[in-house]
Amino acid sequence: RTVPGDMQSSVLFIQADVSKPDGIETVVNGVRERLGGIDILVNNVGG
C-alpha cells in the first residue's frame, strides 16, 4: 500500500492495496505492462 523507503533499486514496485479488487487489477495490469506475464507468484499478505 505504501512505497518502502529502503527498497532495492533492482526491484520493480507497484503501489496497490491487494485487499481490494481494484488494487488487484492495478497489480495485474502493471505486471502485464512491465513483464508480459507471471512465472512465479508469492502471496505474502500480512493477514
ModelCIF file with pLDDT and N, C-alpha, C, O atoms, coordinates in Angstrom:
data_MODEL
#
_entry.id   MODEL 
#
_entity.id                         1 
_entity.type                       polymer 
_entity.pdbx_number_of_molecules   1 
#
_entity_poly.entity_id                      1 
_entity_poly.type                           'polypeptide(L)' 
_entity_poly.nstd_linkage                   no 
_entity_poly.nstd_monomer                   no 
_entity_poly.pdbx_seq_one_letter_code       RTVPGDMQSSVLFIQADVSKPDGIETVVNGVRERLGGIDILVNNVGG 
_entity_poly.pdbx_seq_one_letter_code_can   RTVPGDMQSSVLFIQADVSKPDGIETVVNGVRERLGGIDILVNNVGG 
_entity_poly.pdbx_strand_id                 A 
#
loop_
_entity_poly_seq.entity_id 
_entity_poly_seq.num 
_entity_poly_seq.mon_id 
_entity_poly_seq.hetero 
1 1  ARG n 
1 2  THR n 
1 3  VAL n 
1 4  PRO n 
1 5  GLY n 
1 6  ASP n 
1 7  MET n 
1 8  GLN n 
1 9  SER n 
1 10 SER n 
1 11 VAL n 
1 12 LEU n 
1 13 PHE n 
1 14 ILE n 
1 15 GLN n 
1 16 ALA n 
1 17 ASP n 
1 18 VAL n 
1 19 SER n 
1 20 LYS n 
1 21 PRO n 
1 22 ASP n 
1 23 GLY n 
1 24 ILE n 
1 25 GLU n 
1 26 THR n 
1 27 VAL n 
1 28 VAL n 
1 29 ASN n 
1 30 GLY n 
1 31 VAL n 
1 32 ARG n 
1 33 GLU n 
1 34 ARG n 
1 35 LEU n 
1 36 GLY n 
1 37 GLY n 
1 38 ILE n 
1 39 ASP n 
1 40 ILE n 
1 41 LEU n 
1 42 VAL n 
1 43 ASN n 
1 44 ASN n 
1 45 VAL n 
1 46 GLY n 
1 47 GLY n 
#
_struct_asym.id          A 
_struct_asym.entity_id   1 
#
loop_
_ma_qa_metric.id 
_ma_qa_metric.mode 
_ma_qa_metric.name 
_ma_qa_metric.software_group_id 
_ma_qa_metric.type 
1 global pLDDT . pLDDT 
2 local  pLDDT . pLDDT 
#
_ma_qa_metric_global.metric_id      1 
_ma_qa_metric_global.metric_value   85.09 
_ma_qa_metric_global.model_id       1 
_ma_qa_metric_global.ordinal_id     1 
#
loop_
_ma_qa_metric_local.label_asym_id 
_ma_qa_metric_local.label_comp_id 
_ma_qa_metric_local.label_seq_id 
_ma_qa_metric_local.metric_id 
_ma_qa_metric_local.metric_value 
_ma_qa_metric_local.model_id 
_ma_qa_metric_local.ordinal_id 
A ARG 1  2 87.00 1 1  
A THR 2  2 85.00 1 2  
A VAL 3  2 80.00 1 3  
A PRO 4  2 76.00 1 4  
A GLY 5  2 78.00 1 5  
A ASP 6  2 75.00 1 6  
A MET 7  2 68.00 1 7  
A GLN 8  2 65.00 1 8  
A SER 9  2 68.00 1 9  
A SER 10 2 60.00 1 10 
A VAL 11 2 73.00 1 11 
A LEU 12 2 87.00 1 12 
A PHE 13 2 90.00 1 13 
A ILE 14 2 93.00 1 14 
A GLN 15 2 92.00 1 15 
A ALA 16 2 93.00 1 16 
A ASP 17 2 91.00 1 17 
A VAL 18 2 87.00 1 18 
A SER 19 2 83.00 1 19 
A LYS 20 2 88.00 1 20 
A PRO 21 2 90.00 1 21 
A ASP 22 2 94.00 1 22 
A GLY 23 2 93.00 1 23 
A ILE 24 2 91.00 1 24 
A GLU 25 2 94.00 1 25 
A THR 26 2 95.00 1 26 
A VAL 27 2 94.00 1 27 
A VAL 28 2 93.00 1 28 
A ASN 29 2 95.00 1 29 
A GLY 30 2 94.00 1 30 
A VAL 31 2 94.00 1 31 
A ARG 32 2 94.00 1 32 
A GLU 33 2 94.00 1 33 
A ARG 34 2 92.00 1 34 
A LEU 35 2 92.00 1 35 
A GLY 36 2 92.00 1 36 
A GLY 37 2 89.00 1 37 
A ILE 38 2 87.00 1 38 
A ASP 39 2 88.00 1 39 
A ILE 40 2 88.00 1 40 
A LEU 41 2 86.00 1 41 
A VAL 42 2 87.00 1 42 
A ASN 43 2 82.00 1 43 
A ASN 44 2 80.00 1 44 
A VAL 45 2 72.00 1 45 
A GLY 46 2 66.00 1 46 
A GLY 47 2 64.00 1 47 
#
loop_
_atom_site.group_PDB 
_atom_site.id 
_atom_site.type_symbol 
_atom_site.label_atom_id 
_atom_site.label_alt_id 
_atom_site.label_comp_id 
_atom_site.label_asym_id 
_atom_site.label_entity_id 
_atom_site.label_seq_id 
_atom_site.pdbx_PDB_ins_code 
_atom_site.Cartn_x 
_atom_site.Cartn_y 
_atom_site.Cartn_z 
_atom_site.occupancy 
_atom_site.B_iso_or_equiv 
_atom_site.pdbx_formal_charge 
_atom_site.auth_seq_id 
_atom_site.auth_comp_id 
_atom_site.auth_asym_id 
_atom_site.auth_atom_id 
_atom_site.pdbx_PDB_model_num 
ATOM 1   N N  . ARG A 1 1  ? 0.828   -1.215  0.000   1.00 87.00 ? 1  ARG A N  1 
ATOM 2   C CA . ARG A 1 1  ? 0.000   0.000   0.000   1.00 87.00 ? 1  ARG A CA 1 
ATOM 3   C C  . ARG A 1 1  ? 0.853   1.253   0.000   1.00 87.00 ? 1  ARG A C  1 
ATOM 4   O O  . ARG A 1 1  ? 0.452   2.279   -0.549  1.00 87.00 ? 1  ARG A O  1 
ATOM 5   N N  . THR A 1 2  ? 2.039   1.180   0.616   1.00 85.00 ? 2  THR A N  1 
ATOM 6   C CA . THR A 1 2  ? 2.945   2.325   0.650   1.00 85.00 ? 2  THR A CA 1 
ATOM 7   C C  . THR A 1 2  ? 4.307   1.912   0.101   1.00 85.00 ? 2  THR A C  1 
ATOM 8   O O  . THR A 1 2  ? 4.689   0.744   0.179   1.00 85.00 ? 2  THR A O  1 
ATOM 9   N N  . VAL A 1 3  ? 5.030   2.870   -0.449  1.00 80.00 ? 3  VAL A N  1 
ATOM 10  C CA . VAL A 1 3  ? 6.341   2.609   -1.031  1.00 80.00 ? 3  VAL A CA 1 
ATOM 11  C C  . VAL A 1 3  ? 7.360   2.422   0.088   1.00 80.00 ? 3  VAL A C  1 
ATOM 12  O O  . VAL A 1 3  ? 7.516   3.305   0.932   1.00 80.00 ? 3  VAL A O  1 
ATOM 13  N N  . PRO A 1 4  ? 8.063   1.277   0.106   1.00 76.00 ? 4  PRO A N  1 
ATOM 14  C CA . PRO A 1 4  ? 9.090   1.068   1.133   1.00 76.00 ? 4  PRO A CA 1 
ATOM 15  C C  . PRO A 1 4  ? 10.239  2.058   0.957   1.00 76.00 ? 4  PRO A C  1 
ATOM 16  O O  . PRO A 1 4  ? 10.644  2.345   -0.170  1.00 76.00 ? 4  PRO A O  1 
ATOM 17  N N  . GLY A 1 5  ? 10.759  2.574   2.055   1.00 78.00 ? 5  GLY A N  1 
ATOM 18  C CA . GLY A 1 5  ? 11.832  3.552   1.994   1.00 78.00 ? 5  GLY A CA 1 
ATOM 19  C C  . GLY A 1 5  ? 13.178  2.966   1.640   1.00 78.00 ? 5  GLY A C  1 
ATOM 20  O O  . GLY A 1 5  ? 14.056  3.689   1.168   1.00 78.00 ? 5  GLY A O  1 
ATOM 21  N N  . ASP A 1 6  ? 13.370  1.667   1.857   1.00 75.00 ? 6  ASP A N  1 
ATOM 22  C CA . ASP A 1 6  ? 14.678  1.049   1.648   1.00 75.00 ? 6  ASP A CA 1 
ATOM 23  C C  . ASP A 1 6  ? 14.658  -0.030  0.559   1.00 75.00 ? 6  ASP A C  1 
ATOM 24  O O  . ASP A 1 6  ? 15.421  -0.994  0.627   1.00 75.00 ? 6  ASP A O  1 
ATOM 25  N N  . MET A 1 7  ? 13.809  0.128   -0.416  1.00 68.00 ? 7  MET A N  1 
ATOM 26  C CA . MET A 1 7  ? 13.666  -0.873  -1.460  1.00 68.00 ? 7  MET A CA 1 
ATOM 27  C C  . MET A 1 7  ? 14.905  -0.909  -2.354  1.00 68.00 ? 7  MET A C  1 
ATOM 28  O O  . MET A 1 7  ? 15.456  0.133   -2.708  1.00 68.00 ? 7  MET A O  1 
ATOM 29  N N  . GLN A 1 8  ? 15.339  -2.120  -2.715  1.00 65.00 ? 8  GLN A N  1 
ATOM 30  C CA . GLN A 1 8  ? 16.478  -2.289  -3.607  1.00 65.00 ? 8  GLN A CA 1 
ATOM 31  C C  . GLN A 1 8  ? 16.163  -1.711  -4.977  1.00 65.00 ? 8  GLN A C  1 
ATOM 32  O O  . GLN A 1 8  ? 15.031  -1.812  -5.451  1.00 65.00 ? 8  GLN A O  1 
ATOM 33  N N  . SER A 1 9  ? 17.161  -1.104  -5.616  1.00 68.00 ? 9  SER A N  1 
ATOM 34  C CA . SER A 1 9  ? 16.934  -0.488  -6.921  1.00 68.00 ? 9  SER A CA 1 
ATOM 35  C C  . SER A 1 9  ? 16.637  -1.520  -8.002  1.00 68.00 ? 9  SER A C  1 
ATOM 36  O O  . SER A 1 9  ? 16.076  -1.172  -9.041  1.00 68.00 ? 9  SER A O  1 
ATOM 37  N N  . SER A 1 10 ? 17.004  -2.789  -7.779  1.00 60.00 ? 10 SER A N  1 
ATOM 38  C CA . SER A 1 10 ? 16.772  -3.824  -8.781  1.00 60.00 ? 10 SER A CA 1 
ATOM 39  C C  . SER A 1 10 ? 15.353  -4.387  -8.724  1.00 60.00 ? 10 SER A C  1 
ATOM 40  O O  . SER A 1 10 ? 14.999  -5.253  -9.524  1.00 60.00 ? 10 SER A O  1 
ATOM 41  N N  . VAL A 1 11 ? 14.541  -3.902  -7.789  1.00 73.00 ? 11 VAL A N  1 
ATOM 42  C CA . VAL A 1 11 ? 13.188  -4.413  -7.603  1.00 73.00 ? 11 VAL A CA 1 
ATOM 43  C C  . VAL A 1 11 ? 12.181  -3.440  -8.197  1.00 73.00 ? 11 VAL A C  1 
ATOM 44  O O  . VAL A 1 11 ? 12.239  -2.238  -7.934  1.00 73.00 ? 11 VAL A O  1 
ATOM 45  N N  . LEU A 1 12 ? 11.273  -3.952  -8.984  1.00 87.00 ? 12 LEU A N  1 
ATOM 46  C CA . LEU A 1 12 ? 10.180  -3.141  -9.524  1.00 87.00 ? 12 LEU A CA 1 
ATOM 47  C C  . LEU A 1 12 ? 9.060   -3.108  -8.488  1.00 87.00 ? 12 LEU A C  1 
ATOM 48  O O  . LEU A 1 12 ? 8.861   -4.075  -7.752  1.00 87.00 ? 12 LEU A O  1 
ATOM 49  N N  . PHE A 1 13 ? 8.341   -2.012  -8.433  1.00 90.00 ? 13 PHE A N  1 
ATOM 50  C CA . PHE A 1 13 ? 7.320   -1.845  -7.406  1.00 90.00 ? 13 PHE A CA 1 
ATOM 51  C C  . PHE A 1 13 ? 6.027   -1.329  -8.014  1.00 90.00 ? 13 PHE A C  1 
ATOM 52  O O  . PHE A 1 13 ? 6.044   -0.463  -8.888  1.00 90.00 ? 13 PHE A O  1 
ATOM 53  N N  . ILE A 1 14 ? 4.904   -1.867  -7.544  1.00 93.00 ? 14 ILE A N  1 
ATOM 54  C CA . ILE A 1 14 ? 3.577   -1.392  -7.914  1.00 93.00 ? 14 ILE A CA 1 
ATOM 55  C C  . ILE A 1 14 ? 2.835   -1.085  -6.620  1.00 93.00 ? 14 ILE A C  1 
ATOM 56  O O  . ILE A 1 14 ? 2.609   -1.972  -5.797  1.00 93.00 ? 14 ILE A O  1 
ATOM 57  N N  . GLN A 1 15 ? 2.462   0.176   -6.450  1.00 92.00 ? 15 GLN A N  1 
ATOM 58  C CA . GLN A 1 15 ? 1.734   0.574   -5.249  1.00 92.00 ? 15 GLN A CA 1 
ATOM 59  C C  . GLN A 1 15 ? 0.264   0.225   -5.418  1.00 92.00 ? 15 GLN A C  1 
ATOM 60  O O  . GLN A 1 15 ? -0.396  0.706   -6.340  1.00 92.00 ? 15 GLN A O  1 
ATOM 61  N N  . ALA A 1 16 ? -0.252  -0.627  -4.511  1.00 93.00 ? 16 ALA A N  1 
ATOM 62  C CA . ALA A 1 16 ? -1.647  -1.044  -4.589  1.00 93.00 ? 16 ALA A CA 1 
ATOM 63  C C  . ALA A 1 16 ? -2.061  -1.712  -3.281  1.00 93.00 ? 16 ALA A C  1 
ATOM 64  O O  . ALA A 1 16 ? -1.223  -2.228  -2.541  1.00 93.00 ? 16 ALA A O  1 
ATOM 65  N N  . ASP A 1 17 ? -3.344  -1.696  -3.013  1.00 91.00 ? 17 ASP A N  1 
ATOM 66  C CA . ASP A 1 17 ? -3.917  -2.394  -1.864  1.00 91.00 ? 17 ASP A CA 1 
ATOM 67  C C  . ASP A 1 17 ? -4.577  -3.658  -2.404  1.00 91.00 ? 17 ASP A C  1 
ATOM 68  O O  . ASP A 1 17 ? -5.668  -3.596  -2.971  1.00 91.00 ? 17 ASP A O  1 
ATOM 69  N N  . VAL A 1 18 ? -3.921  -4.804  -2.229  1.00 87.00 ? 18 VAL A N  1 
ATOM 70  C CA . VAL A 1 18 ? -4.428  -6.048  -2.814  1.00 87.00 ? 18 VAL A CA 1 
ATOM 71  C C  . VAL A 1 18 ? -5.574  -6.663  -2.025  1.00 87.00 ? 18 VAL A C  1 
ATOM 72  O O  . VAL A 1 18 ? -6.030  -7.760  -2.346  1.00 87.00 ? 18 VAL A O  1 
ATOM 73  N N  . SER A 1 19 ? -6.046  -5.962  -0.990  1.00 83.00 ? 19 SER A N  1 
ATOM 74  C CA . SER A 1 19 ? -7.235  -6.428  -0.290  1.00 83.00 ? 19 SER A CA 1 
ATOM 75  C C  . SER A 1 19 ? -8.502  -5.935  -0.975  1.00 83.00 ? 19 SER A C  1 
ATOM 76  O O  . SER A 1 19 ? -9.611  -6.257  -0.551  1.00 83.00 ? 19 SER A O  1 
ATOM 77  N N  . LYS A 1 20 ? -8.333  -5.159  -2.027  1.00 88.00 ? 20 LYS A N  1 
ATOM 78  C CA . LYS A 1 20 ? -9.472  -4.604  -2.771  1.00 88.00 ? 20 LYS A CA 1 
ATOM 79  C C  . LYS A 1 20 ? -9.375  -5.012  -4.248  1.00 88.00 ? 20 LYS A C  1 
ATOM 80  O O  . LYS A 1 20 ? -8.276  -5.068  -4.801  1.00 88.00 ? 20 LYS A O  1 
ATOM 81  N N  . PRO A 1 21 ? -10.506 -5.293  -4.884  1.00 90.00 ? 21 PRO A N  1 
ATOM 82  C CA . PRO A 1 21 ? -10.482 -5.725  -6.288  1.00 90.00 ? 21 PRO A CA 1 
ATOM 83  C C  . PRO A 1 21 ? -9.747  -4.762  -7.224  1.00 90.00 ? 21 PRO A C  1 
ATOM 84  O O  . PRO A 1 21 ? -9.034  -5.208  -8.123  1.00 90.00 ? 21 PRO A O  1 
ATOM 85  N N  . ASP A 1 22 ? -9.911  -3.443  -7.026  1.00 94.00 ? 22 ASP A N  1 
ATOM 86  C CA . ASP A 1 22 ? -9.229  -2.510  -7.919  1.00 94.00 ? 22 ASP A CA 1 
ATOM 87  C C  . ASP A 1 22 ? -7.712  -2.529  -7.697  1.00 94.00 ? 22 ASP A C  1 
ATOM 88  O O  . ASP A 1 22 ? -6.949  -2.258  -8.624  1.00 94.00 ? 22 ASP A O  1 
ATOM 89  N N  . GLY A 1 23 ? -7.275  -2.845  -6.477  1.00 93.00 ? 23 GLY A N  1 
ATOM 90  C CA . GLY A 1 23 ? -5.847  -2.976  -6.206  1.00 93.00 ? 23 GLY A CA 1 
ATOM 91  C C  . GLY A 1 23 ? -5.248  -4.181  -6.916  1.00 93.00 ? 23 GLY A C  1 
ATOM 92  O O  . GLY A 1 23 ? -4.135  -4.121  -7.438  1.00 93.00 ? 23 GLY A O  1 
ATOM 93  N N  . ILE A 1 24 ? -5.996  -5.267  -6.929  1.00 91.00 ? 24 ILE A N  1 
ATOM 94  C CA . ILE A 1 24 ? -5.551  -6.465  -7.633  1.00 91.00 ? 24 ILE A CA 1 
ATOM 95  C C  . ILE A 1 24 ? -5.462  -6.178  -9.130  1.00 91.00 ? 24 ILE A C  1 
ATOM 96  O O  . ILE A 1 24 ? -4.506  -6.586  -9.790  1.00 91.00 ? 24 ILE A O  1 
ATOM 97  N N  . GLU A 1 25 ? -6.449  -5.485  -9.655  1.00 94.00 ? 25 GLU A N  1 
ATOM 98  C CA . GLU A 1 25 ? -6.431  -5.121  -11.071 1.00 94.00 ? 25 GLU A CA 1 
ATOM 99  C C  . GLU A 1 25 ? -5.223  -4.239  -11.403 1.00 94.00 ? 25 GLU A C  1 
ATOM 100 O O  . GLU A 1 25 ? -4.611  -4.393  -12.460 1.00 94.00 ? 25 GLU A O  1 
ATOM 101 N N  . THR A 1 26 ? -4.886  -3.325  -10.505 1.00 95.00 ? 26 THR A N  1 
ATOM 102 C CA . THR A 1 26 ? -3.717  -2.468  -10.694 1.00 95.00 ? 26 THR A CA 1 
ATOM 103 C C  . THR A 1 26 ? -2.452  -3.308  -10.801 1.00 95.00 ? 26 THR A C  1 
ATOM 104 O O  . THR A 1 26 ? -1.618  -3.071  -11.675 1.00 95.00 ? 26 THR A O  1 
ATOM 105 N N  . VAL A 1 27 ? -2.308  -4.290  -9.914  1.00 94.00 ? 27 VAL A N  1 
ATOM 106 C CA . VAL A 1 27 ? -1.123  -5.154  -9.931  1.00 94.00 ? 27 VAL A CA 1 
ATOM 107 C C  . VAL A 1 27 ? -1.081  -5.998  -11.202 1.00 94.00 ? 27 VAL A C  1 
ATOM 108 O O  . VAL A 1 27 ? -0.045  -6.073  -11.862 1.00 94.00 ? 27 VAL A O  1 
ATOM 109 N N  . VAL A 1 28 ? -2.190  -6.628  -11.543 1.00 93.00 ? 28 VAL A N  1 
ATOM 110 C CA . VAL A 1 28 ? -2.231  -7.476  -12.745 1.00 93.00 ? 28 VAL A CA 1 
ATOM 111 C C  . VAL A 1 28 ? -1.877  -6.664  -13.985 1.00 93.00 ? 28 VAL A C  1 
ATOM 112 O O  . VAL A 1 28 ? -1.057  -7.094  -14.796 1.00 93.00 ? 28 VAL A O  1 
ATOM 113 N N  . ASN A 1 29 ? -2.482  -5.506  -14.133 1.00 95.00 ? 29 ASN A N  1 
ATOM 114 C CA . ASN A 1 29 ? -2.198  -4.671  -15.301 1.00 95.00 ? 29 ASN A CA 1 
ATOM 115 C C  . ASN A 1 29 ? -0.751  -4.185  -15.314 1.00 95.00 ? 29 ASN A C  1 
ATOM 116 O O  . ASN A 1 29 ? -0.117  -4.143  -16.368 1.00 95.00 ? 29 ASN A O  1 
ATOM 117 N N  . GLY A 1 30 ? -0.230  -3.820  -14.141 1.00 94.00 ? 30 GLY A N  1 
ATOM 118 C CA . GLY A 1 30 ? 1.154   -3.356  -14.051 1.00 94.00 ? 30 GLY A CA 1 
ATOM 119 C C  . GLY A 1 30 ? 2.151   -4.450  -14.416 1.00 94.00 ? 30 GLY A C  1 
ATOM 120 O O  . GLY A 1 30 ? 3.134   -4.191  -15.111 1.00 94.00 ? 30 GLY A O  1 
ATOM 121 N N  . VAL A 1 31 ? 1.900   -5.660  -13.953 1.00 94.00 ? 31 VAL A N  1 
ATOM 122 C CA . VAL A 1 31 ? 2.782   -6.786  -14.289 1.00 94.00 ? 31 VAL A CA 1 
ATOM 123 C C  . VAL A 1 31 ? 2.707   -7.080  -15.780 1.00 94.00 ? 31 VAL A C  1 
ATOM 124 O O  . VAL A 1 31 ? 3.738   -7.285  -16.421 1.00 94.00 ? 31 VAL A O  1 
ATOM 125 N N  . ARG A 1 32 ? 1.527   -7.103  -16.329 1.00 94.00 ? 32 ARG A N  1 
ATOM 126 C CA . ARG A 1 32 ? 1.381   -7.353  -17.776 1.00 94.00 ? 32 ARG A CA 1 
ATOM 127 C C  . ARG A 1 32 ? 2.120   -6.305  -18.599 1.00 94.00 ? 32 ARG A C  1 
ATOM 128 O O  . ARG A 1 32 ? 2.792   -6.635  -19.576 1.00 94.00 ? 32 ARG A O  1 
ATOM 129 N N  . GLU A 1 33 ? 1.993   -5.040  -18.201 1.00 94.00 ? 33 GLU A N  1 
ATOM 130 C CA . GLU A 1 33 ? 2.660   -3.957  -18.934 1.00 94.00 ? 33 GLU A CA 1 
ATOM 131 C C  . GLU A 1 33 ? 4.176   -4.073  -18.858 1.00 94.00 ? 33 GLU A C  1 
ATOM 132 O O  . GLU A 1 33 ? 4.864   -3.858  -19.855 1.00 94.00 ? 33 GLU A O  1 
ATOM 133 N N  . ARG A 1 34 ? 4.698   -4.409  -17.696 1.00 92.00 ? 34 ARG A N  1 
ATOM 134 C CA . ARG A 1 34 ? 6.146   -4.430  -17.495 1.00 92.00 ? 34 ARG A CA 1 
ATOM 135 C C  . ARG A 1 34 ? 6.816   -5.726  -17.926 1.00 92.00 ? 34 ARG A C  1 
ATOM 136 O O  . ARG A 1 34 ? 7.923   -5.705  -18.464 1.00 92.00 ? 34 ARG A O  1 
ATOM 137 N N  . LEU A 1 35 ? 6.147   -6.859  -17.691 1.00 92.00 ? 35 LEU A N  1 
ATOM 138 C CA . LEU A 1 35 ? 6.784   -8.150  -17.953 1.00 92.00 ? 35 LEU A CA 1 
ATOM 139 C C  . LEU A 1 35 ? 6.036   -9.033  -18.940 1.00 92.00 ? 35 LEU A C  1 
ATOM 140 O O  . LEU A 1 35 ? 6.603   -9.992  -19.464 1.00 92.00 ? 35 LEU A O  1 
ATOM 141 N N  . GLY A 1 36 ? 4.797   -8.729  -19.196 1.00 92.00 ? 36 GLY A N  1 
ATOM 142 C CA . GLY A 1 36 ? 4.006   -9.540  -20.105 1.00 92.00 ? 36 GLY A CA 1 
ATOM 143 C C  . GLY A 1 36 ? 3.288   -10.688 -19.428 1.00 92.00 ? 36 GLY A C  1 
ATOM 144 O O  . GLY A 1 36 ? 2.311   -11.202 -19.973 1.00 92.00 ? 36 GLY A O  1 
ATOM 145 N N  . GLY A 1 37 ? 3.739   -11.103 -18.264 1.00 89.00 ? 37 GLY A N  1 
ATOM 146 C CA . GLY A 1 37 ? 3.105   -12.214 -17.557 1.00 89.00 ? 37 GLY A CA 1 
ATOM 147 C C  . GLY A 1 37 ? 3.865   -12.557 -16.291 1.00 89.00 ? 37 GLY A C  1 
ATOM 148 O O  . GLY A 1 37 ? 4.833   -11.890 -15.925 1.00 89.00 ? 37 GLY A O  1 
ATOM 149 N N  . ILE A 1 38 ? 3.408   -13.614 -15.628 1.00 87.00 ? 38 ILE A N  1 
ATOM 150 C CA . ILE A 1 38 ? 3.984   -14.028 -14.352 1.00 87.00 ? 38 ILE A CA 1 
ATOM 151 C C  . ILE A 1 38 ? 4.463   -15.470 -14.464 1.00 87.00 ? 38 ILE A C  1 
ATOM 152 O O  . ILE A 1 38 ? 3.746   -16.330 -14.977 1.00 87.00 ? 38 ILE A O  1 
ATOM 153 N N  . ASP A 1 39 ? 5.679   -15.734 -13.981 1.00 88.00 ? 39 ASP A N  1 
ATOM 154 C CA . ASP A 1 39 ? 6.188   -17.102 -13.893 1.00 88.00 ? 39 ASP A CA 1 
ATOM 155 C C  . ASP A 1 39 ? 6.003   -17.668 -12.492 1.00 88.00 ? 39 ASP A C  1 
ATOM 156 O O  . ASP A 1 39 ? 5.681   -18.845 -12.334 1.00 88.00 ? 39 ASP A O  1 
ATOM 157 N N  . ILE A 1 40 ? 6.205   -16.833 -11.474 1.00 88.00 ? 40 ILE A N  1 
ATOM 158 C CA . ILE A 1 40 ? 6.062   -17.251 -10.078 1.00 88.00 ? 40 ILE A CA 1 
ATOM 159 C C  . ILE A 1 40 ? 5.266   -16.179 -9.354  1.00 88.00 ? 40 ILE A C  1 
ATOM 160 O O  . ILE A 1 40 ? 5.529   -14.987 -9.517  1.00 88.00 ? 40 ILE A O  1 
ATOM 161 N N  . LEU A 1 41 ? 4.290   -16.600 -8.552  1.00 86.00 ? 41 LEU A N  1 
ATOM 162 C CA . LEU A 1 41 ? 3.524   -15.667 -7.732  1.00 86.00 ? 41 LEU A CA 1 
ATOM 163 C C  . LEU A 1 41 ? 3.655   -16.097 -6.278  1.00 86.00 ? 41 LEU A C  1 
ATOM 164 O O  . LEU A 1 41 ? 3.341   -17.236 -5.933  1.00 86.00 ? 41 LEU A O  1 
ATOM 165 N N  . VAL A 1 42 ? 4.118   -15.189 -5.427  1.00 87.00 ? 42 VAL A N  1 
ATOM 166 C CA . VAL A 1 42 ? 4.203   -15.441 -3.993  1.00 87.00 ? 42 VAL A CA 1 
ATOM 167 C C  . VAL A 1 42 ? 3.208   -14.516 -3.319  1.00 87.00 ? 42 VAL A C  1 
ATOM 168 O O  . VAL A 1 42 ? 3.338   -13.295 -3.396  1.00 87.00 ? 42 VAL A O  1 
ATOM 169 N N  . ASN A 1 43 ? 2.218   -15.094 -2.660  1.00 82.00 ? 43 ASN A N  1 
ATOM 170 C CA . ASN A 1 43 ? 1.226   -14.311 -1.934  1.00 82.00 ? 43 ASN A CA 1 
ATOM 171 C C  . ASN A 1 43 ? 1.651   -14.284 -0.480  1.00 82.00 ? 43 ASN A C  1 
ATOM 172 O O  . ASN A 1 43 ? 1.557   -15.292 0.220   1.00 82.00 ? 43 ASN A O  1 
ATOM 173 N N  . ASN A 1 44 ? 2.116   -13.137 -0.028  1.00 80.00 ? 44 ASN A N  1 
ATOM 174 C CA . ASN A 1 44 ? 2.619   -12.996 1.334   1.00 80.00 ? 44 ASN A CA 1 
ATOM 175 C C  . ASN A 1 44 ? 1.863   -11.879 2.047   1.00 80.00 ? 44 ASN A C  1 
ATOM 176 O O  . ASN A 1 44 ? 2.474   -10.987 2.635   1.00 80.00 ? 44 ASN A O  1 
ATOM 177 N N  . VAL A 1 45 ? 0.554   -11.931 1.995   1.00 72.00 ? 45 VAL A N  1 
ATOM 178 C CA . VAL A 1 45 ? -0.279  -10.913 2.629   1.00 72.00 ? 45 VAL A CA 1 
ATOM 179 C C  . VAL A 1 45 ? -0.141  -11.033 4.142   1.00 72.00 ? 45 VAL A C  1 
ATOM 180 O O  . VAL A 1 45 ? -0.123  -12.142 4.677   1.00 72.00 ? 45 VAL A O  1 
ATOM 181 N N  . GLY A 1 46 ? -0.044  -9.913  4.826   1.00 66.00 ? 46 GLY A N  1 
ATOM 182 C CA . GLY A 1 46 ? 0.201   -9.893  6.259   1.00 66.00 ? 46 GLY A CA 1 
ATOM 183 C C  . GLY A 1 46 ? -0.897  -10.477 7.117   1.00 66.00 ? 46 GLY A C  1 
ATOM 184 O O  . GLY A 1 46 ? -0.621  -10.894 8.241   1.00 66.00 ? 46 GLY A O  1 
ATOM 185 N N  . GLY A 1 47 ? -2.085  -10.524 6.660   1.00 64.00 ? 47 GLY A N  1 
ATOM 186 C CA . GLY A 1 47 ? -3.186  -11.060 7.444   1.00 64.00 ? 47 GLY A CA 1 
ATOM 187 C C  . GLY A 1 47 ? -4.313  -11.482 6.531   1.00 64.00 ? 47 GLY A C  1 
ATOM 188 O O  . GLY A 1 47 ? -5.343  -11.964 7.003   1.00 64.00 ? 47 GLY A O  1 
#
